[in-house]
C-alpha atoms as a PDB file:
ATOM      1  CA  UNK A   1      13.676  17.963  33.584  1.00  0.00           C
ATOM      2  CA  UNK A   2      12.930  19.567  30.356  1.00  0.00           C
ATOM      3  CA  UNK A   3      15.247  17.761  27.513  1.00  0.00           C
ATOM      4  CA  UNK A   4      15.219  20.135  24.710  1.00  0.00           C
ATOM      5  CA  UNK A   5      17.523  19.633  21.534  1.00  0.00           C
ATOM      6  CA  UNK A   6      17.446  21.654  18.498  1.00  0.00           C
ATOM      7  CA  UNK A   7      16.762  19.469  15.348  1.00  0.00           C
ATOM      8  CA  UNK A   8      15.924  20.270  12.129  1.00  0.00           C
ATOM      9  CA  UNK A   9      12.489  19.486  12.534  1.00  0.00           C
ATOM     10  CA  UNK A  10      10.980  18.986  15.708  1.00  0.00           C
ATOM     11  CA  UNK A  11      10.842  15.098  16.591  1.00  0.00           C
ATOM     12  CA  UNK A  12       9.140  13.777  20.125  1.00  0.00           C
ATOM     13  CA  UNK A  13      11.313  12.910  22.991  1.00  0.00           C
ATOM     14  CA  UNK A  14      10.376   9.899  24.775  1.00  0.00           C
ATOM     15  CA  UNK A  15      12.007   8.440  27.520  1.00  0.00           C
ATOM     16  CA  UNK A  16      13.339   4.606  28.057  1.00  0.00           C
ATOM     17  CA  UNK A  17      11.558   2.972  31.542  1.00  0.00           C
ATOM     18  CA  UNK A  18      13.968   0.631  31.812  1.00  0.00           C
ATOM     19  CA  UNK A  19      15.740   2.371  34.634  1.00  0.00           C
ATOM     20  CA  UNK A  20      12.591   3.245  36.257  1.00  0.00           C
ATOM     21  CA  UNK A  21      11.521  -0.441  36.776  1.00  0.00           C
ATOM     22  CA  UNK A  22      10.871   0.342  40.387  1.00  0.00           C
ATOM     23  CA  UNK A  23       7.884   2.584  39.824  1.00  0.00           C
ATOM     24  CA  UNK A  24       4.780   1.354  38.071  1.00  0.00           C
ATOM     25  CA  UNK A  25       4.041   2.417  34.926  1.00  0.00           C
ATOM     26  CA  UNK A  26       0.739   4.457  36.756  1.00  0.00           C
ATOM     27  CA  UNK A  27       3.982   6.287  38.937  1.00  0.00           C
ATOM     28  CA  UNK A  28       6.130   6.895  36.002  1.00  0.00           C
ATOM     29  CA  UNK A  29       3.686   8.543  33.360  1.00  0.00           C
ATOM     30  CA  UNK A  30       3.002  11.571  34.699  1.00  0.00           C
ATOM     31  CA  UNK A  31       6.600  12.446  36.165  1.00  0.00           C
ATOM     32  CA  UNK A  32       7.749  11.998  32.501  1.00  0.00           C
ATOM     33  CA  UNK A  33       5.477  14.070  31.661  1.00  0.00           C
ATOM     34  CA  UNK A  34       6.542  16.702  34.273  1.00  0.00           C
ATOM     35  CA  UNK A  35       9.926  16.064  33.230  1.00  0.00           C
ATOM     36  CA  UNK A  36       8.799  17.290  29.590  1.00  0.00           C
ATOM     37  CA  UNK A  37       9.106  14.270  27.691  1.00  0.00           C
ATOM     38  CA  UNK A  38       6.444  13.395  24.991  1.00  0.00           C
ATOM     39  CA  UNK A  39       6.486   9.472  25.430  1.00  0.00           C
ATOM     40  CA  UNK A  40       7.925   6.301  26.832  1.00  0.00           C
ATOM     41  CA  UNK A  41       9.955   3.613  25.322  1.00  0.00           C
ATOM     42  CA  UNK A  42       8.272   0.864  27.557  1.00  0.00           C
ATOM     43  CA  UNK A  43      10.954  -1.321  28.811  1.00  0.00           C
ATOM     44  CA  UNK A  44       9.079  -5.252  29.028  1.00  0.00           C
ATOM     45  CA  UNK A  45      10.194  -5.570  32.901  1.00  0.00           C
ATOM     46  CA  UNK A  46       8.716  -4.185  35.802  1.00  0.00           C
ATOM     47  CA  UNK A  47       4.918  -3.959  34.980  1.00  0.00           C
ATOM     48  CA  UNK A  48       5.703  -1.248  32.402  1.00  0.00           C
ATOM     49  CA  UNK A  49       5.081  -3.802  29.352  1.00  0.00           C
ATOM     50  CA  UNK A  50       3.665  -7.504  29.962  1.00  0.00           C
ATOM     51  CA  UNK A  51       5.194  -9.635  26.884  1.00  0.00           C
ATOM     52  CA  UNK A  52       2.227 -11.868  27.205  1.00  0.00           C
ATOM     53  CA  UNK A  53      -0.632 -10.198  27.886  1.00  0.00           C
ATOM     54  CA  UNK A  54       0.255  -7.933  25.271  1.00  0.00           C
ATOM     55  CA  UNK A  55       0.474 -10.708  22.611  1.00  0.00           C
ATOM     56  CA  UNK A  56      -3.163 -12.037  23.663  1.00  0.00           C
ATOM     57  CA  UNK A  57      -4.754  -9.530  24.979  1.00  0.00           C
ATOM     58  CA  UNK A  58      -6.894  -6.679  23.176  1.00  0.00           C
ATOM     59  CA  UNK A  59      -7.911  -5.086  26.273  1.00  0.00           C
ATOM     60  CA  UNK A  60      -4.333  -4.701  27.763  1.00  0.00           C
ATOM     61  CA  UNK A  61      -3.533  -2.914  25.003  1.00  0.00           C
ATOM     62  CA  UNK A  62      -6.104  -0.942  25.257  1.00  0.00           C
ATOM     63  CA  UNK A  63      -5.665   0.312  28.482  1.00  0.00           C
ATOM     64  CA  UNK A  64      -1.619   0.618  28.051  1.00  0.00           C
ATOM     65  CA  UNK A  65      -2.763   3.151  25.440  1.00  0.00           C
ATOM     66  CA  UNK A  66      -5.371   4.820  27.502  1.00  0.00           C
ATOM     67  CA  UNK A  67      -3.110   5.250  30.252  1.00  0.00           C
ATOM     68  CA  UNK A  68      -0.404   7.213  28.404  1.00  0.00           C
ATOM     69  CA  UNK A  69      -3.164   9.070  26.220  1.00  0.00           C
ATOM     70  CA  UNK A  70      -4.102  10.151  29.659  1.00  0.00           C
ATOM     71  CA  UNK A  71      -0.743  11.695  30.334  1.00  0.00           C
ATOM     72  CA  UNK A  72      -0.443  13.027  26.942  1.00  0.00           C
ATOM     73  CA  UNK A  73       2.534  10.619  26.138  1.00  0.00           C
ATOM     74  CA  UNK A  74       2.978   8.490  23.078  1.00  0.00           C
ATOM     75  CA  UNK A  75       4.838   5.502  22.337  1.00  0.00           C
ATOM     76  CA  UNK A  76       7.172   4.453  19.193  1.00  0.00           C
ATOM     77  CA  UNK A  77       9.335   1.216  20.437  1.00  0.00           C
ATOM     78  CA  UNK A  78       9.498  -1.545  23.336  1.00  0.00           C
ATOM     79  CA  UNK A  79      12.588  -3.218  24.266  1.00  0.00           C
ATOM     80  CA  UNK A  80      13.274  -6.551  25.656  1.00  0.00           C
ATOM     81  CA  UNK A  81      16.823  -6.216  26.449  1.00  0.00           C
ATOM     82  CA  UNK A  82      17.196  -8.753  29.441  1.00  0.00           C
ATOM     83  CA  UNK A  83      15.553 -11.905  27.554  1.00  0.00           C
ATOM     84  CA  UNK A  84      17.102 -11.023  24.304  1.00  0.00           C
ATOM     85  CA  UNK A  85      20.641 -10.860  26.084  1.00  0.00           C
ATOM     86  CA  UNK A  86      20.198 -14.851  26.892  1.00  0.00           C
ATOM     87  CA  UNK A  87      19.562 -15.797  23.433  1.00  0.00           C
ATOM     88  CA  UNK A  88      23.254 -16.418  22.899  1.00  0.00           C
ATOM     89  CA  UNK A  89      24.660 -15.618  26.197  1.00  0.00           C
ATOM     90  CA  UNK A  90      27.211 -18.520  28.383  1.00  0.00           C
ATOM     91  CA  UNK A  91      24.516 -18.904  30.887  1.00  0.00           C
ATOM     92  CA  UNK A  92      25.197 -18.361  34.327  1.00  0.00           C
ATOM     93  CA  UNK A  93      23.299 -17.745  37.927  1.00  0.00           C
ATOM     94  CA  UNK A  94      23.597 -13.877  36.856  1.00  0.00           C
ATOM     95  CA  UNK A  95      20.757 -14.350  34.415  1.00  0.00           C
ATOM     96  CA  UNK A  96      18.368 -15.729  37.248  1.00  0.00           C
ATOM     97  CA  UNK A  97      18.298 -12.367  38.555  1.00  0.00           C
ATOM     98  CA  UNK A  98      17.318 -10.805  35.350  1.00  0.00           C
ATOM     99  CA  UNK A  99      14.983 -13.269  33.246  1.00  0.00           C
ATOM    100  CA  UNK A 100      11.405 -13.538  34.017  1.00  0.00           C
ATOM    101  CA  UNK A 101      10.639 -16.673  35.514  1.00  0.00           C
ATOM    102  CA  UNK A 102       8.950 -18.661  32.731  1.00  0.00           C
ATOM    103  CA  UNK A 103      12.522 -18.300  30.650  1.00  0.00           C
ATOM    104  CA  UNK A 104      14.689 -19.157  33.396  1.00  0.00           C
ATOM    105  CA  UNK A 105      12.933 -22.185  34.152  1.00  0.00           C
ATOM    106  CA  UNK A 106      15.622 -24.997  35.504  1.00  0.00           C
ATOM    107  CA  UNK A 107      18.593 -23.304  34.799  1.00  0.00           C
ATOM    108  CA  UNK A 108      19.688 -25.657  32.130  1.00  0.00           C
ATOM    109  CA  UNK A 109      21.635 -23.189  29.803  1.00  0.00           C
ATOM    110  CA  UNK A 110      20.454 -24.431  26.540  1.00  0.00           C
ATOM    111  CA  UNK A 111      16.772 -24.753  27.229  1.00  0.00           C
ATOM    112  CA  UNK A 112      17.147 -20.953  29.050  1.00  0.00           C
ATOM    113  CA  UNK A 113      18.569 -19.726  25.432  1.00  0.00           C
ATOM    114  CA  UNK A 114      15.916 -21.857  23.588  1.00  0.00           C
ATOM    115  CA  UNK A 115      13.279 -20.142  25.847  1.00  0.00           C
ATOM    116  CA  UNK A 116      14.810 -16.892  25.582  1.00  0.00           C
ATOM    117  CA  UNK A 117      14.648 -17.164  21.853  1.00  0.00           C
ATOM    118  CA  UNK A 118      10.632 -17.622  22.213  1.00  0.00           C
ATOM    119  CA  UNK A 119      10.013 -15.065  24.514  1.00  0.00           C
ATOM    120  CA  UNK A 120      11.475 -12.675  22.007  1.00  0.00           C
ATOM    121  CA  UNK A 121       9.437 -13.611  19.047  1.00  0.00           C
ATOM    122  CA  UNK A 122       6.476 -13.280  21.682  1.00  0.00           C
ATOM    123  CA  UNK A 123       7.624  -9.933  22.425  1.00  0.00           C
ATOM    124  CA  UNK A 124       7.764  -9.155  18.449  1.00  0.00           C
ATOM    125  CA  UNK A 125       3.594 -10.971  17.894  1.00  0.00           C
ATOM    126  CA  UNK A 126       3.330  -8.451  21.400  1.00  0.00           C
ATOM    127  CA  UNK A 127       4.615  -5.423  19.913  1.00  0.00           C
ATOM    128  CA  UNK A 128       2.715  -5.765  16.862  1.00  0.00           C
ATOM    129  CA  UNK A 129      -0.513  -5.808  18.377  1.00  0.00           C
ATOM    130  CA  UNK A 130       0.222  -3.363  20.718  1.00  0.00           C
ATOM    131  CA  UNK A 131       1.083  -0.869  17.740  1.00  0.00           C
ATOM    132  CA  UNK A 132      -1.611  -1.909  15.668  1.00  0.00           C
ATOM    133  CA  UNK A 133      -3.997  -0.612  18.772  1.00  0.00           C
ATOM    134  CA  UNK A 134      -2.346   3.183  18.643  1.00  0.00           C
ATOM    135  CA  UNK A 135      -5.357   5.109  18.879  1.00  0.00           C
ATOM    136  CA  UNK A 136      -7.026   7.597  17.137  1.00  0.00           C
ATOM    137  CA  UNK A 137      -6.230   5.364  13.924  1.00  0.00           C
ATOM    138  CA  UNK A 138      -2.680   6.612  13.891  1.00  0.00           C
ATOM    139  CA  UNK A 139      -0.063   4.210  12.271  1.00  0.00           C
ATOM    140  CA  UNK A 140       3.454   4.800  12.235  1.00  0.00           C
ATOM    141  CA  UNK A 141       4.957   4.905   8.695  1.00  0.00           C
ATOM    142  CA  UNK A 142       8.077   2.762  10.337  1.00  0.00           C
ATOM    143  CA  UNK A 143       7.302  -0.901  11.754  1.00  0.00           C
ATOM    144  CA  UNK A 144       7.009  -1.820  14.785  1.00  0.00           C
ATOM    145  CA  UNK A 145      10.032  -1.888  16.991  1.00  0.00           C
ATOM    146  CA  UNK A 146      11.672  -4.103  19.315  1.00  0.00           C
ATOM    147  CA  UNK A 147      14.905  -2.786  20.809  1.00  0.00           C
ATOM    148  CA  UNK A 148      17.311  -5.054  22.702  1.00  0.00           C
ATOM    149  CA  UNK A 149      20.367  -7.030  23.055  1.00  0.00           C
ATOM    150  CA  UNK A 150      21.465 -10.541  21.706  1.00  0.00           C
ATOM    151  CA  UNK A 151      24.296 -11.873  23.993  1.00  0.00           C
ATOM    152  CA  UNK A 152      27.201 -13.534  22.904  1.00  0.00           C
ATOM    153  CA  UNK A 153      28.729 -16.549  23.460  1.00  0.00           C
ATOM    154  CA  UNK A 154      32.207 -15.244  22.585  1.00  0.00           C
ATOM    155  CA  UNK A 155      32.759 -11.804  24.462  1.00  0.00           C
ATOM    156  CA  UNK A 156      34.373 -13.458  27.499  1.00  0.00           C
ATOM    157  CA  UNK A 157      37.495 -14.164  24.704  1.00  0.00           C
ATOM    158  CA  UNK A 158      37.689 -10.787  23.385  1.00  0.00           C
ATOM    159  CA  UNK A 159      40.490  -9.816  25.417  1.00  0.00           C
ATOM    160  CA  UNK A 160      42.547 -13.372  23.499  1.00  0.00           C
ATOM    161  CA  UNK A 161      43.868 -15.007  26.557  1.00  0.00           C
ATOM    162  CA  UNK A 162      44.333 -17.538  27.048  1.00  0.00           C
ATOM    163  CA  UNK A 163      45.029 -18.000  22.620  1.00  0.00           C
ATOM    164  CA  UNK A 164      42.143 -17.463  21.179  1.00  0.00           C
ATOM    165  CA  UNK A 165      41.664 -18.804  17.277  1.00  0.00           C
ATOM    166  CA  UNK A 166      39.735 -16.810  14.750  1.00  0.00           C
ATOM    167  CA  UNK A 167      37.543 -20.029  13.788  1.00  0.00           C
ATOM    168  CA  UNK A 168      36.550 -19.714  17.880  1.00  0.00           C
ATOM    169  CA  UNK A 169      35.281 -16.294  16.958  1.00  0.00           C
ATOM    170  CA  UNK A 170      33.621 -17.369  13.622  1.00  0.00           C
ATOM    171  CA  UNK A 171      31.961 -20.107  15.664  1.00  0.00           C
ATOM    172  CA  UNK A 172      30.567 -17.161  18.044  1.00  0.00           C
ATOM    173  CA  UNK A 173      29.244 -15.268  14.897  1.00  0.00           C
ATOM    174  CA  UNK A 174      27.465 -18.629  13.368  1.00  0.00           C
ATOM    175  CA  UNK A 175      26.059 -19.356  17.030  1.00  0.00           C
ATOM    176  CA  UNK A 176      24.645 -15.807  16.605  1.00  0.00           C
ATOM    177  CA  UNK A 177      23.602 -16.382  13.130  1.00  0.00           C
ATOM    178  CA  UNK A 178      21.656 -19.330  13.971  1.00  0.00           C
ATOM    179  CA  UNK A 179      19.841 -18.467  16.772  1.00  0.00           C
ATOM    180  CA  UNK A 180      18.721 -15.088  15.740  1.00  0.00           C
ATOM    181  CA  UNK A 181      17.487 -15.685  11.753  1.00  0.00           C
ATOM    182  CA  UNK A 182      14.445 -17.660  13.018  1.00  0.00           C
ATOM    183  CA  UNK A 183      13.601 -14.688  15.326  1.00  0.00           C
ATOM    184  CA  UNK A 184      13.834 -12.588  12.932  1.00  0.00           C
ATOM    185  CA  UNK A 185      12.051 -14.406  10.535  1.00  0.00           C
ATOM    186  CA  UNK A 186       9.329 -14.267  12.719  1.00  0.00           C
ATOM    187  CA  UNK A 187       9.336 -10.328  13.039  1.00  0.00           C
ATOM    188  CA  UNK A 188       9.659 -10.171   9.088  1.00  0.00           C
ATOM    189  CA  UNK A 189       6.290 -11.986   8.952  1.00  0.00           C
ATOM    190  CA  UNK A 190       4.552  -9.648  11.853  1.00  0.00           C
ATOM    191  CA  UNK A 191       6.201  -6.561  10.218  1.00  0.00           C
ATOM    192  CA  UNK A 192       8.284  -5.901  13.113  1.00  0.00           C
ATOM    193  CA  UNK A 193      12.242  -4.561  12.904  1.00  0.00           C
ATOM    194  CA  UNK A 194      14.702  -5.712  15.996  1.00  0.00           C
ATOM    195  CA  UNK A 195      17.334  -2.580  17.005  1.00  0.00           C
ATOM    196  CA  UNK A 196      20.032  -3.950  18.559  1.00  0.00           C
ATOM    197  CA  UNK A 197      21.999  -1.903  21.132  1.00  0.00           C
ATOM    198  CA  UNK A 198      25.767  -2.075  19.976  1.00  0.00           C
ATOM    199  CA  UNK A 199      27.452  -2.495  23.370  1.00  0.00           C
ATOM    200  CA  UNK A 200      29.850  -4.232  25.082  1.00  0.00           C
ATOM    201  CA  UNK A 201      28.957  -8.079  26.127  1.00  0.00           C
ATOM    202  CA  UNK A 202      26.976  -8.109  22.463  1.00  0.00           C
ATOM    203  CA  UNK A 203      27.898  -9.987  19.612  1.00  0.00           C
ATOM    204  CA  UNK A 204      28.301  -6.374  18.041  1.00  0.00           C
ATOM    205  CA  UNK A 205      29.995  -3.820  20.012  1.00  0.00           C
ATOM    206  CA  UNK A 206      31.707  -1.713  17.373  1.00  0.00           C
ATOM    207  CA  UNK A 207      31.704  -1.400  13.608  1.00  0.00           C
ATOM    208  CA  UNK A 208      33.241  -3.901  12.497  1.00  0.00           C
ATOM    209  CA  UNK A 209      31.344  -6.652  14.912  1.00  0.00           C
ATOM    210  CA  UNK A 210      27.955  -5.098  13.612  1.00  0.00           C
ATOM    211  CA  UNK A 211      29.553  -5.712  10.191  1.00  0.00           C
ATOM    212  CA  UNK A 212      29.785  -9.376  11.068  1.00  0.00           C
ATOM    213  CA  UNK A 213      26.703  -9.885  13.139  1.00  0.00           C
ATOM    214  CA  UNK A 214      24.954  -8.664  10.043  1.00  0.00           C
ATOM    215  CA  UNK A 215      26.658 -11.303   7.531  1.00  0.00           C
ATOM    216  CA  UNK A 216      25.872 -13.459  10.438  1.00  0.00           C
ATOM    217  CA  UNK A 217      22.256 -13.298   9.373  1.00  0.00           C
ATOM    218  CA  UNK A 218      22.222 -12.719   5.896  1.00  0.00           C
ATOM    219  CA  UNK A 219      21.732  -8.924   5.801  1.00  0.00           C
ATOM    220  CA  UNK A 220      18.572 -10.326   6.959  1.00  0.00           C
ATOM    221  CA  UNK A 221      16.072  -6.716   6.574  1.00  0.00           C
ATOM    222  CA  UNK A 222      14.745  -6.740  10.159  1.00  0.00           C
ATOM    223  CA  UNK A 223      17.846  -6.825  11.647  1.00  0.00           C
ATOM    224  CA  UNK A 224      19.209  -3.053  12.510  1.00  0.00           C
ATOM    225  CA  UNK A 225      20.259  -1.507  15.451  1.00  0.00           C
ATOM    226  CA  UNK A 226      19.413   1.032  18.434  1.00  0.00           C
ATOM    227  CA  UNK A 227      21.880   3.650  18.050  1.00  0.00           C
ATOM    228  CA  UNK A 228      23.738   4.843  21.731  1.00  0.00           C
ATOM    229  CA  UNK A 229      26.758   6.703  20.680  1.00  0.00           C
ATOM    230  CA  UNK A 230      27.947   6.788  24.848  1.00  0.00           C
ATOM    231  CA  UNK A 231      28.374   2.865  24.193  1.00  0.00           C
ATOM    232  CA  UNK A 232      30.966   3.556  21.213  1.00  0.00           C
ATOM    233  CA  UNK A 233      32.616   6.530  22.204  1.00  0.00           C
ATOM    234  CA  UNK A 234      33.749   5.177  25.671  1.00  0.00           C
ATOM    235  CA  UNK A 235      35.453   2.565  23.686  1.00  0.00           C
ATOM    236  CA  UNK A 236      37.116   4.779  21.063  1.00  0.00           C
ATOM    237  CA  UNK A 237      34.971   4.092  18.356  1.00  0.00           C
ATOM    238  CA  UNK A 238      33.535   6.907  16.121  1.00  0.00           C
ATOM    239  CA  UNK A 239      30.250   7.182  16.534  1.00  0.00           C
ATOM    240  CA  UNK A 240      29.633   9.616  13.436  1.00  0.00           C
ATOM    241  CA  UNK A 241      31.058   6.798  11.576  1.00  0.00           C
ATOM    242  CA  UNK A 242      28.644   4.389  12.958  1.00  0.00           C
ATOM    243  CA  UNK A 243      26.115   6.251  11.109  1.00  0.00           C
ATOM    244  CA  UNK A 244      27.650   6.721   7.948  1.00  0.00           C
ATOM    245  CA  UNK A 245      28.067   2.933   7.677  1.00  0.00           C
ATOM    246  CA  UNK A 246      24.512   1.462   8.953  1.00  0.00           C
ATOM    247  CA  UNK A 247      22.359   5.205   8.507  1.00  0.00           C
ATOM    248  CA  UNK A 248      19.572   3.121   6.988  1.00  0.00           C
ATOM    249  CA  UNK A 249      19.651   0.114   9.479  1.00  0.00           C
ATOM    250  CA  UNK A 250      19.562   2.693  12.493  1.00  0.00           C
ATOM    251  CA  UNK A 251      15.975   1.856  13.621  1.00  0.00           C
ATOM    252  CA  UNK A 252      16.013   3.747  17.123  1.00  0.00           C
ATOM    253  CA  UNK A 253      18.145   5.566  19.283  1.00  0.00           C
ATOM    254  CA  UNK A 254      19.017   6.674  22.502  1.00  0.00           C
ATOM    255  CA  UNK A 255      21.056   9.795  23.505  1.00  0.00           C
ATOM    256  CA  UNK A 256      22.731  10.354  26.767  1.00  0.00           C
ATOM    257  CA  UNK A 257      23.501  13.868  27.981  1.00  0.00           C
ATOM    258  CA  UNK A 258      26.932  13.681  29.299  1.00  0.00           C
ATOM    259  CA  UNK A 259      30.732  14.641  28.170  1.00  0.00           C
ATOM    260  CA  UNK A 260      33.435  12.468  28.434  1.00  0.00           C
ATOM    261  CA  UNK A 261      35.816  12.537  31.558  1.00  0.00           C
ATOM    262  CA  UNK A 262      38.094  10.373  33.790  1.00  0.00           C
ATOM    263  CA  UNK A 263      36.354   7.639  35.672  1.00  0.00           C
ATOM    264  CA  UNK A 264      37.716   7.019  39.097  1.00  0.00           C
ATOM    265  CA  UNK A 265      40.462   9.927  38.900  1.00  0.00           C
ATOM    266  CA  UNK A 266      42.077   7.517  36.132  1.00  0.00           C
ATOM    267  CA  UNK A 267      42.401   4.604  38.353  1.00  0.00           C
ATOM    268  CA  UNK A 268      40.234   2.827  36.721  1.00  0.00           C
ATOM    269  CA  UNK A 269      39.856   1.572  32.963  1.00  0.00           C
ATOM    270  CA  UNK A 270      38.069  -0.356  30.490  1.00  0.00           C
ATOM    271  CA  UNK A 271      40.253  -2.325  27.817  1.00  0.00           C
ATOM    272  CA  UNK A 272      39.117  -3.853  24.378  1.00  0.00           C
ATOM    273  CA  UNK A 273      41.745  -6.148  23.052  1.00  0.00           C
ATOM    274  CA  UNK A 274      42.367  -6.167  19.169  1.00  0.00           C
ATOM    275  CA  UNK A 275      41.476  -9.321  18.632  1.00  0.00           C
ATOM    276  CA  UNK A 276      38.318  -9.791  16.088  1.00  0.00           C
ATOM    277  CA  UNK A 277      40.584  -9.181  12.694  1.00  0.00           C
ATOM    278  CA  UNK A 278      39.972  -9.659   9.487  1.00  0.00           C
ATOM    279  CA  UNK A 279      42.091  -8.550   6.740  1.00  0.00           C
ATOM    280  CA  UNK A 280      43.037  -4.497   7.514  1.00  0.00           C
ATOM    281  CA  UNK A 281      40.105  -4.580  10.492  1.00  0.00           C
ATOM    282  CA  UNK A 282      40.201  -4.106  13.685  1.00  0.00           C
ATOM    283  CA  UNK A 283      37.438  -4.731  15.659  1.00  0.00           C
ATOM    284  CA  UNK A 284      38.682  -4.135  18.673  1.00  0.00           C
ATOM    285  CA  UNK A 285      40.060  -0.597  20.648  1.00  0.00           C
ATOM    286  CA  UNK A 286      41.974   0.178  23.654  1.00  0.00           C
ATOM    287  CA  UNK A 287      40.228   2.024  25.475  1.00  0.00           C
ATOM    288  CA  UNK A 288      40.037   4.355  29.121  1.00  0.00           C
ATOM    289  CA  UNK A 289      36.864   4.320  31.161  1.00  0.00           C
ATOM    290  CA  UNK A 290      34.800   7.351  31.158  1.00  0.00           C
ATOM    291  CA  UNK A 291      32.115   8.672  33.662  1.00  0.00           C
ATOM    292  CA  UNK A 292      29.231  10.952  32.538  1.00  0.00           C
ATOM    293  CA  UNK A 293      28.903  14.683  33.597  1.00  0.00           C
ATOM    294  CA  UNK A 294      26.221  17.676  32.506  1.00  0.00           C
ATOM    295  CA  UNK A 295      27.221  18.744  29.458  1.00  0.00           C
ATOM    296  CA  UNK A 296      28.599  21.802  28.609  1.00  0.00           C
ATOM    297  CA  UNK A 297      29.468  24.865  26.104  1.00  0.00           C
ATOM    298  CA  UNK A 298      31.190  23.047  22.998  1.00  0.00           C
ATOM    299  CA  UNK A 299      30.449  19.607  24.025  1.00  0.00           C
ATOM    300  CA  UNK A 300      26.917  20.384  23.991  1.00  0.00           C
ATOM    301  CA  UNK A 301      27.297  21.947  20.881  1.00  0.00           C
ATOM    302  CA  UNK A 302      28.985  18.921  19.602  1.00  0.00           C
ATOM    303  CA  UNK A 303      26.442  16.487  20.514  1.00  0.00           C
ATOM    304  CA  UNK A 304      23.770  18.272  19.068  1.00  0.00           C
ATOM    305  CA  UNK A 305      25.907  18.628  15.303  1.00  0.00           C
ATOM    306  CA  UNK A 306      25.865  15.000  16.063  1.00  0.00           C
ATOM    307  CA  UNK A 307      22.080  14.385  16.329  1.00  0.00           C
ATOM    308  CA  UNK A 308      21.200  16.900  13.352  1.00  0.00           C
ATOM    309  CA  UNK A 309      23.708  14.659  11.507  1.00  0.00           C
ATOM    310  CA  UNK A 310      22.006  11.312  12.526  1.00  0.00           C
ATOM    311  CA  UNK A 311      18.469  12.852  11.377  1.00  0.00           C
ATOM    312  CA  UNK A 312      19.846  14.914   7.914  1.00  0.00           C
ATOM    313  CA  UNK A 313      21.886  12.011   6.962  1.00  0.00           C
ATOM    314  CA  UNK A 314      19.823   8.957   6.410  1.00  0.00           C
ATOM    315  CA  UNK A 315      19.259   7.538   9.770  1.00  0.00           C
ATOM    316  CA  UNK A 316      16.621   5.480   9.379  1.00  0.00           C
ATOM    317  CA  UNK A 317      14.715   5.221  12.774  1.00  0.00           C
ATOM    318  CA  UNK A 318      14.266   7.391  16.237  1.00  0.00           C
ATOM    319  CA  UNK A 319      16.654   9.354  17.704  1.00  0.00           C
ATOM    320  CA  UNK A 320      16.327   9.696  21.250  1.00  0.00           C
ATOM    321  CA  UNK A 321      18.207  11.796  24.183  1.00  0.00           C
ATOM    322  CA  UNK A 322      18.813  10.881  27.805  1.00  0.00           C
ATOM    323  CA  UNK A 323      20.121  11.951  31.013  1.00  0.00           C
ATOM    324  CA  UNK A 324      21.371  10.201  33.728  1.00  0.00           C
ATOM    325  CA  UNK A 325      19.381   8.935  36.753  1.00  0.00           C
ATOM    326  CA  UNK A 326      21.376   9.983  39.882  1.00  0.00           C
ATOM    327  CA  UNK A 327      19.560   8.301  42.629  1.00  0.00           C
ATOM    328  CA  UNK A 328      19.847   4.839  40.783  1.00  0.00           C
ATOM    329  CA  UNK A 329      23.177   4.932  38.553  1.00  0.00           C
ATOM    330  CA  UNK A 330      22.970   4.518  34.964  1.00  0.00           C
ATOM    331  CA  UNK A 331      21.601   6.421  32.247  1.00  0.00           C
ATOM    332  CA  UNK A 332      18.151   6.686  31.077  1.00  0.00           C
ATOM    333  CA  UNK A 333      17.039   7.223  27.499  1.00  0.00           C
ATOM    334  CA  UNK A 334      14.430   9.483  25.643  1.00  0.00           C
ATOM    335  CA  UNK A 335      13.089   8.993  22.245  1.00  0.00           C
ATOM    336  CA  UNK A 336      12.633  11.189  19.320  1.00  0.00           C
END
């Protein structure tokens, strides 16, 4: 599939490899090139980007670049969503299925969270080493980018029953700040930015929770966002307003080639309670479920206008496009 968009200026479009981890990087790279992508956003699972090896082995990162270059591909970001999720989450047996063995360890919840935090710091070191080794002396103007999730100790309470106090949610944001500030401080020393993919189950899932997340880390300069309008749209959140609110902190973006429909014939839903309030601020919005289908006509033109607005309106990072991978379910992301 060739993914083409009309931007004010042509930027490279790259494929996020996270949903393709059943393929080796050597298998995926030529496939991505045949589909028309300019590069890959490397996921830190499967064999696509080994965090420990990249952090310690010059030959490993050099071989990664040689593999990409051999297929005419580049890279602008790495992503470690799975480990990042465990930094703040209430850990249970589901995490065993997504975490590296050295992070899961004995499964003790607090120990898992601490090992996940350390692994995220190592991910920053690995990303810095990888982008320092970019061939031809090519250096990106932007810092190295690590995308991912943060997890949340309070997501399970968002529907607000049993009745939940504001103090309870304040504690969740405080926990996030305590656990992520040391990671961000380490990233700062390495010239690495972290892009949170604002998403249900994370500490920030809409505009107001994103504002509160920034407050919780003291407006840390290394904390920003991996913008994916699909996660906002199906909640009923204004995804263009997100760009206006956080343009300079959007380090990276994911874009899915879809339109909104009624998932399951209107029999399935996805609701968010209006609970994390501060005065005059509504954080949670009731919503209906959505399901992706190929973009047509006006919807496609609207998407292009939105992407153009993102690029010319101050978004600081790389925008992406993505299309559903029908044989796996879920979407894949292409970076620009």
